[in-house]
């Protein structure tokens, strides 16, 4: 038997042996089913969202699904979803977006490693501050890599791979696929990277067409925008689901600023309290005078306004007459922090895709495709033994 053929057969046999061993020890589990501990929790805000486990096909995703490394999420034409990672970072996915979790783990030394591959669409990242120097939060596309240590930013990937990164808070290091040039993008700036080119020098972001500012005389409140995305503070923790959203607490008042909010119903929700709370909503369309309306919201209820562009010189903003007709905030619950035994990374091995020598056919004739046939297996192994380094433009990784 040809030496290369023996090596190929040995590799397949070894893979089966590893699968048996890991299965016996409980380390082998179906991709996406590390129930007790996972990378992220999926929250579906609206529309049709699809999920693909490593090596599988896309199928309908369920709200609240716990995702692990190797899982891919795809949003439909009118769909939005939020990924909530184990350490608190969130990723809001806009319509027609596709994102793969390549690595998400907590190392024994305290490092947090989160790496994603974005193939299409717009994602909005709100990253918790990474404490250790070895921690990593990266988004790879076919043309660029965005690396951060605690910030808020969007990544937009066009069909041709052109990547635009916009920073709202903190700083993002953007690097081209060749790894030759890195630019630091500061708040209020963006950079664009095209195939085979270096990132453009960061430039100021164009002013939004509309800015909505909601001021609530209570720190523990959530503002749900006209597309069902929640923003504010819940149990003292920051929630920002609208791309580009910002919040401040000034003299005990929560101030939420939302860019490019379309027409529709916008509501404010209070978690508790014992008295009515003042809410002021201001709408500013670019180049037009601002308009605002004041209202009160009772504990445990919501206050709403309807925003309409209208034919006049200023937008129309009116109090909603039915306060019960308002979408409730949807906030994802972070899964438990992964450990060495339960934080898993999918490593796929397909015998169908394994390139074998041309003499691999049993009849001694050259194989027509140079690929073997018959078996396909998938191994799930502990992350520490399959650390991820990414080659831009590909989801395959080894370190």
Protein backbone atom coordinates (compact mmCIF):
# COMPACT_ATOMS: atom_id res chain seq x y z
CA UNK A 1 0.00 0.00 0.00
CA UNK A 2 1.29 3.45 -0.91
CA UNK A 3 2.77 5.25 2.15
CA UNK A 4 0.55 8.31 1.66
CA UNK A 5 -2.52 6.09 1.42
CA UNK A 6 -1.52 4.33 4.66
CA UNK A 7 -1.18 7.69 6.37
CA UNK A 8 -4.61 8.74 5.17
CA UNK A 9 -6.24 5.51 6.36
CA UNK A 10 -4.38 5.74 9.68
CA UNK A 11 -5.66 9.29 10.20
CA UNK A 12 -9.24 8.18 9.66
CA UNK A 13 -8.79 5.24 12.04
CA UNK A 14 -7.21 7.44 14.68
CA UNK A 15 -10.11 9.87 14.40
CA UNK A 16 -12.55 7.08 15.16
CA UNK A 17 -10.46 5.96 18.15
CA UNK A 18 -10.44 9.52 19.52
CA UNK A 19 -14.18 9.73 19.00
CA UNK A 20 -14.70 6.53 20.99
CA UNK A 21 -12.43 7.69 23.82
CA UNK A 22 -14.03 11.12 24.07
CA UNK A 23 -17.47 9.56 23.90
CA UNK A 24 -16.64 7.26 26.78
CA UNK A 25 -15.41 10.14 28.91
CA UNK A 26 -18.36 12.38 28.11
CA UNK A 27 -16.21 14.88 26.21
CA UNK A 28 -17.82 14.08 22.87
CA UNK A 29 -21.13 15.90 22.46
CA UNK A 30 -23.21 17.02 19.48
CA UNK A 31 -22.14 20.45 18.27
CA UNK A 32 -24.18 23.17 19.92
CA UNK A 33 -25.40 20.97 22.77
CA UNK A 34 -23.07 21.78 25.65
CA UNK A 35 -26.17 22.44 27.70
CA UNK A 36 -24.71 23.37 31.05
CA UNK A 37 -22.16 25.80 29.69
CA UNK A 38 -21.79 27.50 26.35
CA UNK A 39 -20.35 30.41 24.47
CA UNK A 40 -23.41 32.58 24.01
CA UNK A 41 -27.19 32.74 24.34
CA UNK A 42 -29.27 33.61 21.26
CA UNK A 43 -32.10 36.10 21.69
CA UNK A 44 -34.37 36.57 18.68
CA UNK A 45 -35.80 40.08 18.51
CA UNK A 46 -37.77 39.66 15.28
CA UNK A 47 -38.09 37.74 12.04
CA UNK A 48 -36.60 34.46 10.84
CA UNK A 49 -33.22 33.41 12.24
CA UNK A 50 -31.32 30.32 11.10
CA UNK A 51 -28.73 28.27 12.99
CA UNK A 52 -26.08 25.90 11.67
CA UNK A 53 -23.96 23.69 13.91
CA UNK A 54 -20.44 22.87 12.76
CA UNK A 55 -20.60 20.44 9.85
CA UNK A 56 -24.39 20.64 9.59
CA UNK A 57 -27.04 22.50 7.60
CA UNK A 58 -29.00 25.63 8.42
CA UNK A 59 -32.28 25.18 10.23
CA UNK A 60 -34.70 27.40 12.20
CA UNK A 61 -33.16 28.76 15.40
CA UNK A 62 -35.02 28.79 18.70
CA UNK A 63 -35.06 31.79 21.02
CA UNK A 64 -32.82 31.15 24.03
CA UNK A 65 -30.60 28.56 22.33
CA UNK A 66 -27.15 28.21 23.89
CA UNK A 67 -24.49 28.50 21.19
CA UNK A 68 -20.96 27.09 21.21
CA UNK A 69 -17.88 27.45 19.04
CA UNK A 70 -18.55 26.29 15.49
CA UNK A 71 -22.15 27.57 15.42
CA UNK A 72 -23.24 29.98 12.67
CA UNK A 73 -26.19 32.38 12.92
CA UNK A 74 -27.91 33.87 9.86
CA UNK A 75 -30.65 36.52 10.06
CA UNK A 76 -33.37 36.87 7.45
CA UNK A 77 -34.43 39.95 5.50
CA UNK A 78 -36.43 41.42 8.41
CA UNK A 79 -34.79 39.61 11.31
CA UNK A 80 -32.71 40.83 14.24
CA UNK A 81 -31.01 38.83 16.96
CA UNK A 82 -28.66 39.33 19.91
CA UNK A 83 -25.85 37.08 21.10
CA UNK A 84 -25.03 37.39 24.80
CA UNK A 85 -21.63 35.95 25.66
CA UNK A 86 -20.73 34.28 28.95
CA UNK A 87 -18.67 37.30 30.10
CA UNK A 88 -21.38 39.85 29.28
CA UNK A 89 -20.42 41.11 25.83
CA UNK A 90 -23.28 41.31 23.32
CA UNK A 91 -23.56 41.23 19.53
CA UNK A 92 -26.68 42.58 17.83
CA UNK A 93 -27.18 41.23 14.30
CA UNK A 94 -29.08 43.31 11.77
CA UNK A 95 -31.06 41.76 8.85
CA UNK A 96 -29.25 39.67 6.22
CA UNK A 97 -26.20 39.06 8.40
CA UNK A 98 -24.13 35.92 8.94
CA UNK A 99 -21.80 35.33 11.87
CA UNK A 100 -19.84 32.29 13.08
CA UNK A 101 -18.47 31.79 16.59
CA UNK A 102 -14.94 30.47 16.05
CA UNK A 103 -13.78 30.53 19.68
CA UNK A 104 -15.35 31.54 22.99
CA UNK A 105 -13.76 30.39 26.19
CA UNK A 106 -12.32 31.31 29.55
CA UNK A 107 -8.78 30.02 29.96
CA UNK A 108 -7.47 28.74 33.34
CA UNK A 109 -5.17 31.77 33.61
CA UNK A 110 -8.19 34.11 33.48
CA UNK A 111 -7.89 35.11 29.82
CA UNK A 112 -11.13 35.53 27.88
CA UNK A 113 -10.95 34.50 24.21
CA UNK A 114 -13.78 35.43 21.82
CA UNK A 115 -13.24 35.20 18.06
CA UNK A 116 -15.89 35.47 15.34
CA UNK A 117 -16.03 35.31 11.54
CA UNK A 118 -18.50 37.68 9.87
CA UNK A 119 -19.29 36.89 6.25
CA UNK A 120 -22.06 39.38 5.55
CA UNK A 121 -24.25 42.11 7.00
CA UNK A 122 -24.07 44.45 9.98
CA UNK A 123 -23.23 43.58 13.58
CA UNK A 124 -23.13 45.87 16.63
CA UNK A 125 -20.72 44.91 19.42
CA UNK A 126 -20.87 46.04 23.04
CA UNK A 127 -17.76 44.56 24.65
CA UNK A 128 -17.11 44.25 28.36
CA UNK A 129 -13.69 45.40 29.48
CA UNK A 130 -11.14 42.60 29.11
CA UNK A 131 -8.98 42.67 32.22
CA UNK A 132 -6.06 40.36 31.45
CA UNK A 133 -3.41 41.16 28.86
CA UNK A 134 -3.91 37.82 27.14
CA UNK A 135 -7.65 38.31 26.57
CA UNK A 136 -8.92 38.66 23.01
CA UNK A 137 -12.07 39.88 21.26
CA UNK A 138 -11.78 39.76 17.46
CA UNK A 139 -14.04 39.86 14.42
CA UNK A 140 -12.61 38.52 11.17
CA UNK A 141 -13.99 39.16 7.69
CA UNK A 142 -12.61 38.24 4.28
CA UNK A 143 -10.77 41.56 4.11
CA UNK A 144 -10.11 42.75 7.68
CA UNK A 145 -9.78 42.00 11.38
CA UNK A 146 -11.17 44.20 14.18
CA UNK A 147 -9.54 43.77 17.61
CA UNK A 148 -10.74 45.42 20.80
CA UNK A 149 -10.32 45.36 24.59
CA UNK A 150 -13.58 46.98 25.68
CA UNK A 151 -15.61 49.20 23.40
CA UNK A 152 -18.73 49.71 21.25
CA UNK A 153 -18.57 49.46 17.48
CA UNK A 154 -20.26 48.22 14.31
CA UNK A 155 -18.88 45.98 11.57
CA UNK A 156 -20.54 46.12 8.14
CA UNK A 157 -19.56 43.55 5.49
CA UNK A 158 -20.73 43.98 1.89
CA UNK A 159 -21.25 41.14 -0.58
CA UNK A 160 -17.78 41.70 -2.06
CA UNK A 161 -16.17 41.55 1.39
CA UNK A 162 -15.65 45.29 1.76
CA UNK A 163 -15.58 45.90 5.52
CA UNK A 164 -16.50 49.15 7.27
CA UNK A 165 -15.87 49.45 11.00
CA UNK A 166 -17.39 52.34 12.95
CA UNK A 167 -16.39 53.07 16.54
CA UNK A 168 -18.89 54.56 18.98
CA UNK A 169 -16.91 54.20 22.21
CA UNK A 170 -13.37 53.13 23.03
CA UNK A 171 -10.91 52.24 20.26
CA UNK A 172 -10.71 49.49 17.64
CA UNK A 173 -7.58 48.24 15.87
CA UNK A 174 -8.41 47.42 12.24
CA UNK A 175 -5.99 45.27 10.23
CA UNK A 176 -6.08 44.21 6.56
CA UNK A 177 -6.19 40.53 5.54
CA UNK A 178 -2.47 40.50 4.75
CA UNK A 179 -1.64 41.75 8.25
CA UNK A 180 0.51 44.54 6.85
CA UNK A 181 -1.35 47.64 8.07
CA UNK A 182 -3.23 48.44 11.27
CA UNK A 183 -5.14 51.63 11.99
CA UNK A 184 -6.65 52.68 15.31
CA UNK A 185 -10.24 53.90 14.96
CA UNK A 186 -11.41 56.23 17.73
CA UNK A 187 -14.99 57.22 18.73
CA UNK A 188 -16.97 58.99 16.02
CA UNK A 189 -14.72 57.64 13.26
CA UNK A 190 -14.80 54.78 10.77
CA UNK A 191 -12.45 52.96 8.42
CA UNK A 192 -13.10 50.89 5.29
CA UNK A 193 -11.03 47.94 4.08
CA UNK A 194 -11.39 46.54 0.56
CA UNK A 195 -10.04 43.29 -0.81
CA UNK A 196 -6.30 43.44 -1.22
CA UNK A 197 -6.06 46.94 0.24
CA UNK A 198 -5.01 48.47 3.53
CA UNK A 199 -7.63 50.01 5.85
CA UNK A 200 -8.47 53.57 4.91
CA UNK A 201 -7.37 56.33 7.29
CA UNK A 202 -10.11 56.73 9.93
CA UNK A 203 -12.51 59.52 9.00
CA UNK A 204 -15.31 61.25 10.96
CA UNK A 205 -18.69 59.56 10.76
CA UNK A 206 -21.42 61.38 8.85
CA UNK A 207 -24.09 62.80 11.16
CA UNK A 208 -27.13 60.49 11.50
CA UNK A 209 -30.32 61.37 9.64
CA UNK A 210 -32.19 61.22 12.94
CA UNK A 211 -31.24 61.25 16.62
CA UNK A 212 -33.68 60.31 19.37
CA UNK A 213 -32.81 61.19 22.96
CA UNK A 214 -34.85 59.77 25.84
CA UNK A 215 -34.29 61.13 29.35
CA UNK A 216 -35.78 59.11 32.22
CA UNK A 217 -35.85 60.34 35.82
CA UNK A 218 -34.87 56.85 36.96
CA UNK A 219 -31.63 54.97 36.38
CA UNK A 220 -33.20 51.50 36.12
CA UNK A 221 -35.15 51.80 32.86
CA UNK A 222 -35.14 50.44 29.32
CA UNK A 223 -36.04 52.25 26.11
CA UNK A 224 -37.31 50.02 23.30
CA UNK A 225 -36.82 51.59 19.87
CA UNK A 226 -39.19 51.36 16.93
CA UNK A 227 -37.57 48.08 15.78
CA UNK A 228 -37.82 46.33 19.17
CA UNK A 229 -34.22 46.86 20.31
CA UNK A 230 -33.78 47.63 24.03
CA UNK A 231 -31.38 50.18 25.50
CA UNK A 232 -30.74 51.34 29.06
CA UNK A 233 -29.87 49.77 32.40
CA UNK A 234 -31.24 46.52 33.81
CA UNK A 235 -30.21 45.57 37.33
CA UNK A 236 -27.39 48.07 37.01
CA UNK A 237 -26.00 46.47 33.84
CA UNK A 238 -25.72 48.26 30.51
CA UNK A 239 -28.04 47.12 27.71
CA UNK A 240 -27.42 48.55 24.23
CA UNK A 241 -29.08 46.76 21.31
CA UNK A 242 -29.47 49.63 18.83
CA UNK A 243 -26.34 50.10 16.67
CA UNK A 244 -24.60 53.31 17.69
CA UNK A 245 -26.65 53.75 20.86
CA UNK A 246 -25.12 55.52 23.85
CA UNK A 247 -26.21 56.03 27.44
CA UNK A 248 -25.25 58.24 30.35
CA UNK A 249 -26.44 58.73 33.90
CA UNK A 250 -26.65 62.42 34.79
CA UNK A 251 -27.88 63.52 38.23
CA UNK A 252 -29.81 60.30 38.67
CA UNK A 253 -31.40 60.56 35.19
CA UNK A 254 -30.86 57.93 32.52
CA UNK A 255 -30.12 59.52 29.13
CA UNK A 256 -30.33 57.19 26.10
CA UNK A 257 -29.29 58.47 22.65
CA UNK A 258 -30.35 56.47 19.58
CA UNK A 259 -29.17 57.25 16.01
CA UNK A 260 -31.17 56.62 12.83
CA UNK A 261 -34.34 55.34 14.48
CA UNK A 262 -37.08 54.89 11.86
CA UNK A 263 -40.71 55.97 12.24
CA UNK A 264 -42.82 53.93 14.63
CA UNK A 265 -43.58 53.36 18.30
CA UNK A 266 -40.88 53.97 20.91
CA UNK A 267 -41.51 52.97 24.53
CA UNK A 268 -39.87 53.40 27.93
CA UNK A 269 -40.14 50.62 30.54
CA UNK A 270 -39.53 50.92 34.28
CA UNK A 271 -38.47 47.91 36.32
CA UNK A 272 -39.98 49.14 39.59
CA UNK A 273 -40.15 52.15 41.85
CA UNK A 274 -42.97 53.56 43.97
CA UNK A 275 -43.99 56.70 42.09
CA UNK A 276 -44.56 58.03 38.59
CA UNK A 277 -41.39 58.92 36.70
CA UNK A 278 -40.90 61.73 34.18
CA UNK A 279 -39.84 60.78 30.65
CA UNK A 280 -38.79 63.26 27.95
CA UNK A 281 -38.40 62.14 24.33
CA UNK A 282 -36.65 64.44 21.85
CA UNK A 283 -36.44 63.80 18.11
CA UNK A 284 -33.96 65.63 15.88
CA UNK A 285 -34.08 65.05 12.13
CA UNK A 286 -30.91 66.25 10.42
CA UNK A 287 -31.23 69.87 9.36
CA UNK A 288 -34.60 70.37 11.08
CA UNK A 289 -35.61 71.85 14.45
CA UNK A 290 -35.91 69.38 17.32
CA UNK A 291 -39.27 68.42 18.76
CA UNK A 292 -39.94 66.80 22.13
CA UNK A 293 -42.73 65.52 24.31
CA UNK A 294 -42.91 64.96 28.07
CA UNK A 295 -44.81 62.17 29.76
CA UNK A 296 -44.87 60.13 32.96
CA UNK A 297 -44.61 56.40 33.41
CA UNK A 298 -45.99 54.47 36.37
CA UNK A 299 -43.96 51.73 38.09
CA UNK A 300 -44.17 48.41 36.24
CA UNK A 301 -45.73 50.01 33.14
CA UNK A 302 -44.45 51.79 30.06
CA UNK A 303 -44.67 55.17 28.39
CA UNK A 304 -44.82 55.38 24.63
CA UNK A 305 -44.64 57.83 21.76
CA UNK A 306 -45.25 57.54 18.03
CA UNK A 307 -42.62 59.10 15.78
CA UNK A 308 -43.51 60.09 12.22
CA UNK A 309 -41.53 62.03 9.65
CA UNK A 310 -44.57 63.74 8.16
CA UNK A 311 -44.61 66.23 5.30
CA UNK A 312 -43.83 69.24 7.50
CA UNK A 313 -40.60 70.94 8.44
CA UNK A 314 -40.25 68.87 11.61
CA UNK A 315 -41.11 65.27 12.55
CA UNK A 316 -44.29 64.50 14.46
CA UNK A 317 -44.05 62.97 17.92
CA UNK A 318 -47.21 62.05 19.83
CA UNK A 319 -48.00 60.24 23.06
CA UNK A 320 -49.35 56.73 22.57
CA UNK A 321 -52.93 56.44 23.75
CA UNK A 322 -52.67 52.74 24.57
CA UNK A 323 -49.68 52.23 26.90
CA UNK A 324 -50.28 48.47 27.00
CA UNK A 325 -49.61 48.16 23.25
CA UNK A 326 -45.83 48.17 23.49
CA UNK A 327 -43.16 45.55 22.86
CA UNK A 328 -41.51 44.24 26.01
CA UNK A 329 -37.73 44.44 26.20
CA UNK A 330 -36.00 41.18 25.28
CA UNK A 331 -32.74 40.79 27.18
CA UNK A 332 -30.59 37.69 26.74
CA UNK A 333 -29.28 35.83 29.76
CA UNK A 334 -25.55 35.09 29.65
CA UNK A 335 -24.73 31.37 29.87
CA UNK A 336 -22.48 30.10 32.65
CA UNK A 337 -18.77 30.75 32.23
CA UNK A 338 -17.15 27.94 30.23
CA UNK A 339 -14.57 25.71 31.89
CA UNK A 340 -11.86 23.41 30.55
CA UNK A 341 -14.22 20.44 30.55
CA UNK A 342 -17.36 22.07 29.22
CA UNK A 343 -16.16 24.83 26.90
CA UNK A 344 -15.93 22.99 23.62
CA UNK A 345 -14.69 23.91 20.17
CA UNK A 346 -15.91 21.97 17.16
CA UNK A 347 -13.20 20.40 15.06
CA UNK A 348 -14.57 18.88 11.88
CA UNK A 349 -12.83 16.07 10.02
CA UNK A 350 -14.46 14.82 6.84
CA UNK A 351 -13.10 11.76 5.06
CA UNK A 352 -15.00 12.89 1.98
CA UNK A 353 -12.92 16.05 1.91
CA UNK A 354 -9.57 14.46 2.79
CA UNK A 355 -7.25 14.68 -0.19
CA UNK A 356 -5.68 11.26 -0.86
CA UNK A 357 -3.09 10.17 -3.44
CA UNK A 358 -4.25 9.42 -6.96
CA UNK A 359 -3.52 5.68 -6.40
CA UNK A 360 -6.07 5.42 -3.61
CA UNK A 361 -8.51 3.32 -5.66
CA UNK A 362 -8.52 -0.37 -4.82
CA UNK A 363 -8.34 -1.32 -8.52
CA UNK A 364 -5.02 0.46 -8.87
CA UNK A 365 -6.42 3.05 -11.29
CA UNK A 366 -6.01 6.79 -10.63
CA UNK A 367 -8.91 8.27 -8.72
CA UNK A 368 -10.87 10.80 -10.80
CA UNK A 369 -11.28 13.37 -8.04
CA UNK A 370 -8.36 12.71 -5.73
CA UNK A 371 -10.81 12.58 -2.81
CA UNK A 372 -11.89 9.58 -0.78
CA UNK A 373 -15.52 8.57 -0.31
CA UNK A 374 -17.61 6.80 2.25
CA UNK A 375 -17.24 8.23 5.77
CA UNK A 376 -17.62 11.61 7.42
CA UNK A 377 -16.99 12.17 11.13
CA UNK A 378 -16.98 15.16 13.43
CA UNK A 379 -14.97 15.44 16.63
CA UNK A 380 -15.67 17.81 19.50
CA UNK A 381 -12.58 18.34 21.63
CA UNK A 382 -11.76 20.58 24.61
CA UNK A 383 -10.82 24.09 23.51
CA UNK A 384 -7.40 24.20 25.23
CA UNK A 385 -6.29 21.55 22.75
CA UNK A 386 -7.75 23.37 19.74
CA UNK A 387 -6.98 27.04 20.29
CA UNK A 388 -7.99 29.29 17.44
CA UNK A 389 -5.91 31.47 15.19
CA UNK A 390 -7.77 32.63 12.15
CA UNK A 391 -6.73 33.00 8.57
CA UNK A 392 -8.74 35.91 7.25
CA UNK A 393 -11.44 34.81 4.83
CA UNK A 394 -11.75 31.32 6.32
CA UNK A 395 -13.48 29.75 9.31
CA UNK A 396 -10.85 27.02 9.60
CA UNK A 397 -8.42 27.63 12.42
CA UNK A 398 -5.72 25.97 14.50
CA UNK A 399 -3.23 27.26 16.97
